[in-house]
């Protein structure tokens, strides 16, 4: 019996935390057409309706929306696109990150670099 227990425990070491990659905890979205505080507010309200959204940072001056999720909750690009279209806008770019929304806000304070 102890041999089986040892075998099971040693096999768990192979599938330990080092092989687990956590999902991105935040997304940064470049929004086309978001030009005023009302625009920013309407997008923020849409994300507030999504279960698992922990933090929403919206800056209409840079057209950047940063959404932080709880735990392993996330949204697909299609879900994000649908939500933004429903708010009346389109997205230009989505970047997924494991950084906190606050860290990403500093990183994208100047907005996205467009070619």
PDB file of N, CA and C in Angstrom:
ATOM      1  N   UNK A   1       0.821  -1.199   0.000  1.00  0.00           N
ATOM      2  CA  UNK A   1       0.000   0.000   0.000  1.00  0.00           C
ATOM      3  C   UNK A   1       0.866   1.263   0.000  1.00  0.00           C
ATOM      4  N   UNK A   2       1.920   1.273   0.817  1.00  0.00           N
ATOM      5  CA  UNK A   2       2.767   2.462   0.866  1.00  0.00           C
ATOM      6  C   UNK A   2       3.520   2.647  -0.446  1.00  0.00           C
ATOM      7  N   UNK A   3       3.793   1.543  -1.171  1.00  0.00           N
ATOM      8  CA  UNK A   3       4.442   1.635  -2.475  1.00  0.00           C
ATOM      9  C   UNK A   3       3.538   2.364  -3.465  1.00  0.00           C
ATOM     10  N   UNK A   4       2.259   2.060  -3.441  1.00  0.00           N
ATOM     11  CA  UNK A   4       1.288   2.714  -4.332  1.00  0.00           C
ATOM     12  C   UNK A   4       1.170   4.187  -3.966  1.00  0.00           C
ATOM     13  N   UNK A   5       1.125   4.484  -2.691  1.00  0.00           N
ATOM     14  CA  UNK A   5       1.045   5.873  -2.246  1.00  0.00           C
ATOM     15  C   UNK A   5       2.274   6.648  -2.713  1.00  0.00           C
ATOM     16  N   UNK A   6       3.447   6.040  -2.576  1.00  0.00           N
ATOM     17  CA  UNK A   6       4.680   6.696  -3.026  1.00  0.00           C
ATOM     18  C   UNK A   6       4.660   6.934  -4.525  1.00  0.00           C
ATOM     19  N   UNK A   7       4.160   5.966  -5.270  1.00  0.00           N
ATOM     20  CA  UNK A   7       4.077   6.102  -6.722  1.00  0.00           C
ATOM     21  C   UNK A   7       3.145   7.243  -7.115  1.00  0.00           C
ATOM     22  N   UNK A   8       2.001   7.315  -6.467  1.00  0.00           N
ATOM     23  CA  UNK A   8       1.034   8.380  -6.760  1.00  0.00           C
ATOM     24  C   UNK A   8       1.621   9.739  -6.403  1.00  0.00           C
ATOM     25  N   UNK A   9       2.226   9.852  -5.242  1.00  0.00           N
ATOM     26  CA  UNK A   9       2.804  11.127  -4.820  1.00  0.00           C
ATOM     27  C   UNK A   9       3.953  11.554  -5.724  1.00  0.00           C
ATOM     28  N   UNK A  10       4.792  10.612  -6.127  1.00  0.00           N
ATOM     29  CA  UNK A  10       5.901  10.982  -7.009  1.00  0.00           C
ATOM     30  C   UNK A  10       5.397  11.378  -8.391  1.00  0.00           C
ATOM     31  N   UNK A  11       4.314  10.775  -8.843  1.00  0.00           N
ATOM     32  CA  UNK A  11       3.766  11.169 -10.149  1.00  0.00           C
ATOM     33  C   UNK A  11       3.172  12.570 -10.092  1.00  0.00           C
ATOM     34  N   UNK A  12       2.700  12.978  -8.939  1.00  0.00           N
ATOM     35  CA  UNK A  12       2.165  14.330  -8.796  1.00  0.00           C
ATOM     36  C   UNK A  12       3.256  15.379  -8.930  1.00  0.00           C
ATOM     37  N   UNK A  13       4.479  15.018  -8.593  1.00  0.00           N
ATOM     38  CA  UNK A  13       5.585  15.955  -8.739  1.00  0.00           C
ATOM     39  C   UNK A  13       5.808  16.320 -10.201  1.00  0.00           C
ATOM     40  N   UNK A  14       5.546  15.400 -11.098  1.00  0.00           N
ATOM     41  CA  UNK A  14       5.707  15.663 -12.530  1.00  0.00           C
ATOM     42  C   UNK A  14       4.655  16.619 -13.057  1.00  0.00           C
ATOM     43  N   UNK A  15       3.525  16.691 -12.395  1.00  0.00           N
ATOM     44  CA  UNK A  15       2.433  17.552 -12.841  1.00  0.00           C
ATOM     45  C   UNK A  15       2.253  18.688 -11.847  1.00  0.00           C
ATOM     46  N   UNK A  16       3.320  19.068 -11.202  1.00  0.00           N
ATOM     47  CA  UNK A  16       3.272  20.092 -10.164  1.00  0.00           C
ATOM     48  C   UNK A  16       3.035  21.478 -10.709  1.00  0.00           C
ATOM     49  N   UNK A  17       3.135  22.459  -9.841  1.00  0.00           N
ATOM     50  CA  UNK A  17       2.845  23.843 -10.193  1.00  0.00           C
ATOM     51  C   UNK A  17       3.689  24.389 -11.335  1.00  0.00           C
ATOM     52  N   UNK A  18       4.902  23.857 -11.534  1.00  0.00           N
ATOM     53  CA  UNK A  18       5.755  24.394 -12.589  1.00  0.00           C
ATOM     54  C   UNK A  18       5.184  24.152 -13.980  1.00  0.00           C
ATOM     55  N   UNK A  19       4.333  23.139 -14.145  1.00  0.00           N
ATOM     56  CA  UNK A  19       3.769  22.869 -15.464  1.00  0.00           C
ATOM     57  C   UNK A  19       2.456  23.614 -15.686  1.00  0.00           C
ATOM     58  N   UNK A  20       1.965  24.290 -14.690  1.00  0.00           N
ATOM     59  CA  UNK A  20       0.706  25.020 -14.809  1.00  0.00           C
ATOM     60  C   UNK A  20       0.980  26.468 -15.178  1.00  0.00           C
ATOM     61  N   UNK A  21       0.369  26.919 -16.250  1.00  0.00           N
ATOM     62  CA  UNK A  21       0.492  28.309 -16.666  1.00  0.00           C
ATOM     63  C   UNK A  21      -0.836  28.997 -16.410  1.00  0.00           C
ATOM     64  N   UNK A  22      -0.869  29.963 -15.501  1.00  0.00           N
ATOM     65  CA  UNK A  22      -2.136  30.631 -15.213  1.00  0.00           C
ATOM     66  C   UNK A  22      -2.609  31.440 -16.416  1.00  0.00           C
ATOM     67  N   UNK A  23      -3.907  31.551 -16.587  1.00  0.00           N
ATOM     68  CA  UNK A  23      -4.421  32.343 -17.702  1.00  0.00           C
ATOM     69  C   UNK A  23      -4.140  33.825 -17.480  1.00  0.00           C
ATOM     70  N   UNK A  24      -4.137  34.599 -18.551  1.00  0.00           N
ATOM     71  CA  UNK A  24      -3.951  36.038 -18.381  1.00  0.00           C
ATOM     72  C   UNK A  24      -5.010  36.597 -17.440  1.00  0.00           C
ATOM     73  N   UNK A  25      -4.601  37.514 -16.595  1.00  0.00           N
ATOM     74  CA  UNK A  25      -5.541  38.072 -15.636  1.00  0.00           C
ATOM     75  C   UNK A  25      -6.113  39.404 -16.091  1.00  0.00           C
ATOM     76  N   UNK A  26      -5.563  39.963 -17.153  1.00  0.00           N
ATOM     77  CA  UNK A  26      -6.026  41.270 -17.635  1.00  0.00           C
ATOM     78  C   UNK A  26      -6.019  41.300 -19.154  1.00  0.00           C
ATOM     79  N   UNK A  27      -6.856  42.169 -19.705  1.00  0.00           N
ATOM     80  CA  UNK A  27      -6.799  42.449 -21.137  1.00  0.00           C
ATOM     81  C   UNK A  27      -6.737  43.955 -21.327  1.00  0.00           C
ATOM     82  N   UNK A  28      -5.984  44.359 -22.336  1.00  0.00           N
ATOM     83  CA  UNK A  28      -5.875  45.761 -22.719  1.00  0.00           C
ATOM     84  C   UNK A  28      -6.504  45.855 -24.098  1.00  0.00           C
ATOM     85  N   UNK A  29      -7.433  46.783 -24.261  1.00  0.00           N
ATOM     86  CA  UNK A  29      -8.172  46.885 -25.516  1.00  0.00           C
ATOM     87  C   UNK A  29      -8.072  48.304 -26.051  1.00  0.00           C
ATOM     88  N   UNK A  30      -7.696  48.415 -27.310  1.00  0.00           N
ATOM     89  CA  UNK A  30      -7.662  49.699 -28.015  1.00  0.00           C
ATOM     90  C   UNK A  30      -9.014  49.844 -28.709  1.00  0.00           C
ATOM     91  N   UNK A  31      -9.774  50.875 -28.323  1.00  0.00           N
ATOM     92  CA  UNK A  31     -11.141  51.057 -28.819  1.00  0.00           C
ATOM     93  C   UNK A  31     -11.188  52.152 -29.875  1.00  0.00           C
ATOM     94  N   UNK A  32     -11.737  51.829 -31.017  1.00  0.00           N
ATOM     95  CA  UNK A  32     -11.926  52.817 -32.087  1.00  0.00           C
ATOM     96  C   UNK A  32     -13.239  53.563 -31.824  1.00  0.00           C
ATOM     97  N   UNK A  33     -13.183  54.893 -31.844  1.00  0.00           N
ATOM     98  CA  UNK A  33     -14.389  55.706 -31.704  1.00  0.00           C
ATOM     99  C   UNK A  33     -14.705  56.162 -30.293  1.00  0.00           C
ATOM    100  N   UNK A  34     -13.920  55.744 -29.313  1.00  0.00           N
ATOM    101  CA  UNK A  34     -14.155  56.163 -27.928  1.00  0.00           C
ATOM    102  C   UNK A  34     -13.460  57.511 -27.729  1.00  0.00           C
ATOM    103  N   UNK A  35     -14.237  58.605 -27.784  1.00  0.00           N
ATOM    104  CA  UNK A  35     -13.625  59.938 -27.793  1.00  0.00           C
ATOM    105  C   UNK A  35     -14.074  60.854 -26.659  1.00  0.00           C
ATOM    106  N   UNK A  36     -14.979  60.388 -25.803  1.00  0.00           N
ATOM    107  CA  UNK A  36     -15.466  61.272 -24.740  1.00  0.00           C
ATOM    108  C   UNK A  36     -15.768  60.465 -23.477  1.00  0.00           C
ATOM    109  N   UNK A  37     -16.044  61.173 -22.406  1.00  0.00           N
ATOM    110  CA  UNK A  37     -16.340  60.527 -21.126  1.00  0.00           C
ATOM    111  C   UNK A  37     -17.601  59.673 -21.207  1.00  0.00           C
ATOM    112  N   UNK A  38     -18.589  60.102 -21.989  1.00  0.00           N
ATOM    113  CA  UNK A  38     -19.812  59.317 -22.155  1.00  0.00           C
ATOM    114  C   UNK A  38     -19.496  57.989 -22.841  1.00  0.00           C
ATOM    115  N   UNK A  39     -18.634  58.033 -23.857  1.00  0.00           N
ATOM    116  CA  UNK A  39     -18.205  56.810 -24.554  1.00  0.00           C
ATOM    117  C   UNK A  39     -17.546  55.854 -23.558  1.00  0.00           C
ATOM    118  N   UNK A  40     -16.628  56.378 -22.778  1.00  0.00           N
ATOM    119  CA  UNK A  40     -15.905  55.573 -21.798  1.00  0.00           C
ATOM    120  C   UNK A  40     -16.865  54.961 -20.790  1.00  0.00           C
ATOM    121  N   UNK A  41     -17.833  55.742 -20.352  1.00  0.00           N
ATOM    122  CA  UNK A  41     -18.812  55.270 -19.376  1.00  0.00           C
ATOM    123  C   UNK A  41     -19.667  54.140 -19.941  1.00  0.00           C
ATOM    124  N   UNK A  42     -20.063  54.252 -21.207  1.00  0.00           N
ATOM    125  CA  UNK A  42     -20.915  53.210 -21.789  1.00  0.00           C
ATOM    126  C   UNK A  42     -20.158  51.887 -21.913  1.00  0.00           C
ATOM    127  N   UNK A  43     -18.879  51.943 -22.239  1.00  0.00           N
ATOM    128  CA  UNK A  43     -18.078  50.720 -22.322  1.00  0.00           C
ATOM    129  C   UNK A  43     -17.851  50.143 -20.926  1.00  0.00           C
ATOM    130  N   UNK A  44     -17.571  51.001 -19.967  1.00  0.00           N
ATOM    131  CA  UNK A  44     -17.377  50.551 -18.586  1.00  0.00           C
ATOM    132  C   UNK A  44     -18.624  49.843 -18.064  1.00  0.00           C
ATOM    133  N   UNK A  45     -19.796  50.387 -18.343  1.00  0.00           N
ATOM    134  CA  UNK A  45     -21.054  49.773 -17.896  1.00  0.00           C
ATOM    135  C   UNK A  45     -21.243  48.385 -18.504  1.00  0.00           C
ATOM    136  N   UNK A  46     -20.863  48.211 -19.758  1.00  0.00           N
ATOM    137  CA  UNK A  46     -20.981  46.895 -20.404  1.00  0.00           C
ATOM    138  C   UNK A  46     -20.093  45.868 -19.708  1.00  0.00           C
ATOM    139  N   UNK A  47     -18.858  46.248 -19.379  1.00  0.00           N
ATOM    140  CA  UNK A  47     -17.960  45.308 -18.713  1.00  0.00           C
ATOM    141  C   UNK A  47     -18.406  45.022 -17.279  1.00  0.00           C
ATOM    142  N   UNK A  48     -19.069  45.963 -16.637  1.00  0.00           N
ATOM    143  CA  UNK A  48     -19.564  45.732 -15.275  1.00  0.00           C
ATOM    144  C   UNK A  48     -20.611  44.625 -15.237  1.00  0.00           C
ATOM    145  N   UNK A  49     -21.268  44.374 -16.360  1.00  0.00           N
ATOM    146  CA  UNK A  49     -22.294  43.334 -16.438  1.00  0.00           C
ATOM    147  C   UNK A  49     -21.697  41.929 -16.524  1.00  0.00           C
ATOM    148  N   UNK A  50     -20.405  41.828 -16.782  1.00  0.00           N
ATOM    149  CA  UNK A  50     -19.745  40.535 -16.980  1.00  0.00           C
ATOM    150  C   UNK A  50     -19.314  39.962 -15.635  1.00  0.00           C
ATOM    151  N   UNK A  51     -19.768  38.742 -15.356  1.00  0.00           N
ATOM    152  CA  UNK A  51     -19.397  38.076 -14.111  1.00  0.00           C
ATOM    153  C   UNK A  51     -17.903  37.750 -14.129  1.00  0.00           C
ATOM    154  N   UNK A  52     -17.219  38.057 -13.050  1.00  0.00           N
ATOM    155  CA  UNK A  52     -15.794  37.764 -12.939  1.00  0.00           C
ATOM    156  C   UNK A  52     -14.887  38.937 -13.266  1.00  0.00           C
ATOM    157  N   UNK A  53     -15.474  40.047 -13.718  1.00  0.00           N
ATOM    158  CA  UNK A  53     -14.667  41.239 -13.971  1.00  0.00           C
ATOM    159  C   UNK A  53     -14.408  41.915 -12.632  1.00  0.00           C
ATOM    160  N   UNK A  54     -13.147  42.097 -12.311  1.00  0.00           N
ATOM    161  CA  UNK A  54     -12.760  42.654 -11.017  1.00  0.00           C
ATOM    162  C   UNK A  54     -12.488  44.150 -11.095  1.00  0.00           C
ATOM    163  N   UNK A  55     -11.884  44.590 -12.192  1.00  0.00           N
ATOM    164  CA  UNK A  55     -11.470  45.990 -12.305  1.00  0.00           C
ATOM    165  C   UNK A  55     -11.617  46.429 -13.752  1.00  0.00           C
ATOM    166  N   UNK A  56     -12.091  47.666 -13.939  1.00  0.00           N
ATOM    167  CA  UNK A  56     -12.222  48.246 -15.270  1.00  0.00           C
ATOM    168  C   UNK A  56     -11.603  49.637 -15.228  1.00  0.00           C
ATOM    169  N   UNK A  57     -10.600  49.855 -16.058  1.00  0.00           N
ATOM    170  CA  UNK A  57      -9.963  51.165 -16.169  1.00  0.00           C
ATOM    171  C   UNK A  57     -10.155  51.641 -17.605  1.00  0.00           C
ATOM    172  N   UNK A  58     -10.780  52.795 -17.770  1.00  0.00           N
ATOM    173  CA  UNK A  58     -11.080  53.317 -19.103  1.00  0.00           C
ATOM    174  C   UNK A  58     -10.480  54.712 -19.233  1.00  0.00           C
ATOM    175  N   UNK A  59      -9.756  54.941 -20.329  1.00  0.00           N
ATOM    176  CA  UNK A  59      -9.185  56.258 -20.605  1.00  0.00           C
ATOM    177  C   UNK A  59      -9.542  56.642 -22.035  1.00  0.00           C
ATOM    178  N   UNK A  60     -10.524  57.543 -22.183  1.00  0.00           N
ATOM    179  CA  UNK A  60     -10.964  57.900 -23.532  1.00  0.00           C
ATOM    180  C   UNK A  60      -9.917  58.712 -24.282  1.00  0.00           C
ATOM    181  N   UNK A  61      -9.024  59.388 -23.564  1.00  0.00           N
ATOM    182  CA  UNK A  61      -7.985  60.183 -24.240  1.00  0.00           C
ATOM    183  C   UNK A  61      -7.011  59.296 -25.018  1.00  0.00           C
ATOM    184  N   UNK A  62      -6.708  58.131 -24.465  1.00  0.00           N
ATOM    185  CA  UNK A  62      -5.796  57.203 -25.141  1.00  0.00           C
ATOM    186  C   UNK A  62      -6.541  56.070 -25.844  1.00  0.00           C
ATOM    187  N   UNK A  63      -7.861  56.014 -25.700  1.00  0.00           N
ATOM    188  CA  UNK A  63      -8.718  54.977 -26.281  1.00  0.00           C
ATOM    189  C   UNK A  63      -8.396  53.594 -25.715  1.00  0.00           C
ATOM    190  N   UNK A  64      -7.945  53.531 -24.476  1.00  0.00           N
ATOM    191  CA  UNK A  64      -7.537  52.272 -23.868  1.00  0.00           C
ATOM    192  C   UNK A  64      -8.530  51.853 -22.786  1.00  0.00           C
ATOM    193  N   UNK A  65      -8.936  50.585 -22.843  1.00  0.00           N
ATOM    194  CA  UNK A  65      -9.745  49.972 -21.793  1.00  0.00           C
ATOM    195  C   UNK A  65      -8.930  48.809 -21.243  1.00  0.00           C
ATOM    196  N   UNK A  66      -8.787  48.769 -19.919  1.00  0.00           N
ATOM    197  CA  UNK A  66      -8.069  47.677 -19.266  1.00  0.00           C
ATOM    198  C   UNK A  66      -9.054  46.975 -18.345  1.00  0.00           C
ATOM    199  N   UNK A  67      -9.166  45.665 -18.518  1.00  0.00           N
ATOM    200  CA  UNK A  67     -10.106  44.879 -17.727  1.00  0.00           C
ATOM    201  C   UNK A  67      -9.322  43.827 -16.959  1.00  0.00           C
ATOM    202  N   UNK A  68      -9.514  43.799 -15.637  1.00  0.00           N
ATOM    203  CA  UNK A  68      -8.892  42.792 -14.791  1.00  0.00           C
ATOM    204  C   UNK A  68      -9.932  41.772 -14.371  1.00  0.00           C
ATOM    205  N   UNK A  69      -9.556  40.504 -14.395  1.00  0.00           N
ATOM    206  CA  UNK A  69     -10.480  39.421 -14.071  1.00  0.00           C
ATOM    207  C   UNK A  69     -10.127  38.772 -12.743  1.00  0.00           C
ATOM    208  N   UNK A  70     -11.120  38.156 -12.118  1.00  0.00           N
ATOM    209  CA  UNK A  70     -10.927  37.417 -10.869  1.00  0.00           C
ATOM    210  C   UNK A  70     -10.432  36.012 -11.188  1.00  0.00           C
ATOM    211  N   UNK A  71      -9.450  35.554 -10.442  1.00  0.00           N
ATOM    212  CA  UNK A  71      -8.995  34.166 -10.560  1.00  0.00           C
ATOM    213  C   UNK A  71      -8.701  33.742 -11.976  1.00  0.00           C
ATOM    214  N   UNK A  72      -9.318  32.624 -12.395  1.00  0.00           N
ATOM    215  CA  UNK A  72      -9.065  32.112 -13.742  1.00  0.00           C
ATOM    216  C   UNK A  72     -10.149  32.518 -14.738  1.00  0.00           C
ATOM    217  N   UNK A  73     -10.949  33.508 -14.386  1.00  0.00           N
ATOM    218  CA  UNK A  73     -11.986  34.014 -15.289  1.00  0.00           C
ATOM    219  C   UNK A  73     -11.324  34.811 -16.407  1.00  0.00           C
ATOM    220  N   UNK A  74     -11.824  34.672 -17.609  1.00  0.00           N
ATOM    221  CA  UNK A  74     -11.351  35.464 -18.737  1.00  0.00           C
ATOM    222  C   UNK A  74     -12.463  35.550 -19.776  1.00  0.00           C
ATOM    223  N   UNK A  75     -12.242  36.307 -20.816  1.00  0.00           N
ATOM    224  CA  UNK A  75     -13.189  36.425 -21.927  1.00  0.00           C
ATOM    225  C   UNK A  75     -12.427  36.135 -23.218  1.00  0.00           C
ATOM    226  N   UNK A  76     -13.099  35.492 -24.157  1.00  0.00           N
ATOM    227  CA  UNK A  76     -12.475  35.258 -25.462  1.00  0.00           C
ATOM    228  C   UNK A  76     -12.485  36.560 -26.259  1.00  0.00           C
ATOM    229  N   UNK A  77     -11.668  36.602 -27.304  1.00  0.00           N
ATOM    230  CA  UNK A  77     -11.665  37.778 -28.176  1.00  0.00           C
ATOM    231  C   UNK A  77     -13.054  38.005 -28.775  1.00  0.00           C
ATOM    232  N   UNK A  78     -13.742  36.917 -29.112  1.00  0.00           N
ATOM    233  CA  UNK A  78     -15.082  37.029 -29.683  1.00  0.00           C
ATOM    234  C   UNK A  78     -16.058  37.647 -28.685  1.00  0.00           C
ATOM    235  N   UNK A  79     -15.957  37.248 -27.412  1.00  0.00           N
ATOM    236  CA  UNK A  79     -16.827  37.821 -26.381  1.00  0.00           C
ATOM    237  C   UNK A  79     -16.534  39.307 -26.187  1.00  0.00           C
ATOM    238  N   UNK A  80     -15.262  39.658 -26.193  1.00  0.00           N
ATOM    239  CA  UNK A  80     -14.875  41.064 -26.049  1.00  0.00           C
ATOM    240  C   UNK A  80     -15.388  41.869 -27.235  1.00  0.00           C
ATOM    241  N   UNK A  81     -15.182  41.348 -28.451  1.00  0.00           N
ATOM    242  CA  UNK A  81     -15.669  42.035 -29.652  1.00  0.00           C
ATOM    243  C   UNK A  81     -17.176  42.250 -29.601  1.00  0.00           C
ATOM    244  N   UNK A  82     -17.918  41.218 -29.210  1.00  0.00           N
ATOM    245  CA  UNK A  82     -19.379  41.318 -29.146  1.00  0.00           C
ATOM    246  C   UNK A  82     -19.806  42.375 -28.134  1.00  0.00           C
ATOM    247  N   UNK A  83     -19.158  42.405 -26.984  1.00  0.00           N
ATOM    248  CA  UNK A  83     -19.500  43.380 -25.952  1.00  0.00           C
ATOM    249  C   UNK A  83     -19.234  44.805 -26.438  1.00  0.00           C
ATOM    250  N   UNK A  84     -18.100  45.008 -27.073  1.00  0.00           N
ATOM    251  CA  UNK A  84     -17.740  46.345 -27.557  1.00  0.00           C
ATOM    252  C   UNK A  84     -18.653  46.776 -28.701  1.00  0.00           C
ATOM    253  N   UNK A  85     -18.975  45.840 -29.594  1.00  0.00           N
ATOM    254  CA  UNK A  85     -19.922  46.154 -30.672  1.00  0.00           C
ATOM    255  C   UNK A  85     -21.286  46.513 -30.110  1.00  0.00           C
ATOM    256  N   UNK A  86     -21.704  45.795 -29.068  1.00  0.00           N
ATOM    257  CA  UNK A  86     -22.992  46.075 -28.425  1.00  0.00           C
ATOM    258  C   UNK A  86     -23.011  47.469 -27.805  1.00  0.00           C
ATOM    259  N   UNK A  87     -21.850  47.944 -27.374  1.00  0.00           N
ATOM    260  CA  UNK A  87     -21.746  49.296 -26.811  1.00  0.00           C
ATOM    261  C   UNK A  87     -21.672  50.350 -27.917  1.00  0.00           C
ATOM    262  N   UNK A  88     -21.501  49.897 -29.177  1.00  0.00           N
ATOM    263  CA  UNK A  88     -21.480  50.826 -30.300  1.00  0.00           C
ATOM    264  C   UNK A  88     -20.096  51.193 -30.807  1.00  0.00           C
ATOM    265  N   UNK A  89     -19.088  50.398 -30.469  1.00  0.00           N
ATOM    266  CA  UNK A  89     -17.712  50.700 -30.848  1.00  0.00           C
ATOM    267  C   UNK A  89     -17.064  49.469 -31.468  1.00  0.00           C
ATOM    268  N   UNK A  90     -15.847  49.618 -31.941  1.00  0.00           N
ATOM    269  CA  UNK A  90     -15.062  48.486 -32.423  1.00  0.00           C
ATOM    270  C   UNK A  90     -13.695  48.531 -31.753  1.00  0.00           C
ATOM    271  N   UNK A  91     -13.088  47.365 -31.663  1.00  0.00           N
ATOM    272  CA  UNK A  91     -11.749  47.308 -31.075  1.00  0.00           C
ATOM    273  C   UNK A  91     -10.726  47.212 -32.187  1.00  0.00           C
ATOM    274  N   UNK A  92      -9.567  47.782 -31.930  1.00  0.00           N
ATOM    275  CA  UNK A  92      -8.468  47.732 -32.897  1.00  0.00           C
ATOM    276  C   UNK A  92      -7.449  46.677 -32.511  1.00  0.00           C
ATOM    277  N   UNK A  93      -7.317  46.445 -31.206  1.00  0.00           N
ATOM    278  CA  UNK A  93      -6.296  45.516 -30.737  1.00  0.00           C
ATOM    279  C   UNK A  93      -6.652  45.036 -29.340  1.00  0.00           C
ATOM    280  N   UNK A  94      -6.363  43.757 -29.065  1.00  0.00           N
ATOM    281  CA  UNK A  94      -6.543  43.179 -27.732  1.00  0.00           C
ATOM    282  C   UNK A  94      -5.210  42.562 -27.328  1.00  0.00           C
ATOM    283  N   UNK A  95      -4.744  42.922 -26.142  1.00  0.00           N
ATOM    284  CA  UNK A  95      -3.506  42.356 -25.604  1.00  0.00           C
ATOM    285  C   UNK A  95      -3.841  41.694 -24.274  1.00  0.00           C
ATOM    286  N   UNK A  96      -3.426  40.458 -24.117  1.00  0.00           N
ATOM    287  CA  UNK A  96      -3.651  39.724 -22.867  1.00  0.00           C
ATOM    288  C   UNK A  96      -2.381  39.778 -22.027  1.00  0.00           C
ATOM    289  N   UNK A  97      -2.560  39.890 -20.709  1.00  0.00           N
ATOM    290  CA  UNK A  97      -1.402  40.051 -19.837  1.00  0.00           C
ATOM    291  C   UNK A  97      -1.659  39.433 -18.470  1.00  0.00           C
ATOM    292  N   UNK A  98      -0.587  39.056 -17.808  1.00  0.00           N
ATOM    293  CA  UNK A  98      -0.668  38.592 -16.427  1.00  0.00           C
ATOM    294  C   UNK A  98      -0.406  39.733 -15.452  1.00  0.00           C
ATOM    295  N   UNK A  99      -0.136  40.927 -15.976  1.00  0.00           N
ATOM    296  CA  UNK A  99       0.107  42.089 -15.123  1.00  0.00           C
ATOM    297  C   UNK A  99      -1.209  42.611 -14.561  1.00  0.00           C
ATOM    298  N   UNK A 100      -1.114  43.343 -13.454  1.00  0.00           N
ATOM    299  CA  UNK A 100      -2.304  43.932 -12.839  1.00  0.00           C
ATOM    300  C   UNK A 100      -2.832  45.068 -13.714  1.00  0.00           C
ATOM    301  N   UNK A 101      -4.118  45.376 -13.603  1.00  0.00           N
ATOM    302  CA  UNK A 101      -4.668  46.509 -14.359  1.00  0.00           C
ATOM    303  C   UNK A 101      -3.924  47.814 -14.082  1.00  0.00           C
ATOM    304  N   UNK A 102      -3.516  48.025 -12.842  1.00  0.00           N
ATOM    305  CA  UNK A 102      -2.811  49.260 -12.484  1.00  0.00           C
ATOM    306  C   UNK A 102      -1.448  49.350 -13.176  1.00  0.00           C
ATOM    307  N   UNK A 103      -0.723  48.229 -13.224  1.00  0.00           N
ATOM    308  CA  UNK A 103       0.574  48.216 -13.908  1.00  0.00           C
ATOM    309  C   UNK A 103       0.388  48.462 -15.400  1.00  0.00           C
ATOM    310  N   UNK A 104      -0.647  47.873 -15.968  1.00  0.00           N
ATOM    311  CA  UNK A 104      -0.920  48.070 -17.393  1.00  0.00           C
ATOM    312  C   UNK A 104      -1.347  49.499 -17.685  1.00  0.00           C
ATOM    313  N   UNK A 105      -2.052  50.113 -16.742  1.00  0.00           N
ATOM    314  CA  UNK A 105      -2.477  51.501 -16.933  1.00  0.00           C
ATOM    315  C   UNK A 105      -1.254  52.408 -17.084  1.00  0.00           C
ATOM    316  N   UNK A 106      -0.231  52.176 -16.274  1.00  0.00           N
ATOM    317  CA  UNK A 106       1.003  52.966 -16.387  1.00  0.00           C
ATOM    318  C   UNK A 106       1.699  52.692 -17.719  1.00  0.00           C
ATOM    319  N   UNK A 107       1.700  51.443 -18.115  1.00  0.00           N
ATOM    320  CA  UNK A 107       2.372  51.032 -19.344  1.00  0.00           C
ATOM    321  C   UNK A 107       1.725  51.653 -20.585  1.00  0.00           C
ATOM    322  N   UNK A 108       0.404  51.755 -20.581  1.00  0.00           N
ATOM    323  CA  UNK A 108      -0.326  52.268 -21.740  1.00  0.00           C
ATOM    324  C   UNK A 108      -0.844  53.687 -21.527  1.00  0.00           C
ATOM    325  N   UNK A 109      -0.204  54.431 -20.648  1.00  0.00           N
ATOM    326  CA  UNK A 109      -0.642  55.802 -20.348  1.00  0.00           C
ATOM    327  C   UNK A 109      -0.603  56.704 -21.574  1.00  0.00           C
ATOM    328  N   UNK A 110       0.255  56.387 -22.517  1.00  0.00           N
ATOM    329  CA  UNK A 110       0.352  57.185 -23.745  1.00  0.00           C
ATOM    330  C   UNK A 110      -0.491  56.591 -24.868  1.00  0.00           C
ATOM    331  N   UNK A 111      -1.205  55.519 -24.579  1.00  0.00           N
ATOM    332  CA  UNK A 111      -2.023  54.877 -25.605  1.00  0.00           C
ATOM    333  C   UNK A 111      -1.221  53.864 -26.396  1.00  0.00           C
ATOM    334  N   UNK A 112      -1.859  53.288 -27.390  1.00  0.00           N
ATOM    335  CA  UNK A 112      -1.213  52.308 -28.253  1.00  0.00           C
ATOM    336  C   UNK A 112      -0.384  53.024 -29.298  1.00  0.00           C
ATOM    337  N   UNK A 113       0.703  52.422 -29.667  1.00  0.00           N
ATOM    338  CA  UNK A 113       1.526  52.960 -30.755  1.00  0.00           C
ATOM    339  C   UNK A 113       0.967  52.409 -32.061  1.00  0.00           C
ATOM    340  N   UNK A 114       0.441  53.282 -32.887  1.00  0.00           N
ATOM    341  CA  UNK A 114      -0.132  52.840 -34.151  1.00  0.00           C
ATOM    342  C   UNK A 114       0.835  53.128 -35.289  1.00  0.00           C
ATOM    343  N   UNK A 115       0.945  52.203 -36.240  1.00  0.00           N
ATOM    344  CA  UNK A 115       1.899  52.391 -37.345  1.00  0.00           C
ATOM    345  C   UNK A 115       1.505  53.531 -38.260  1.00  0.00           C
TER     346      UNK A 115
END
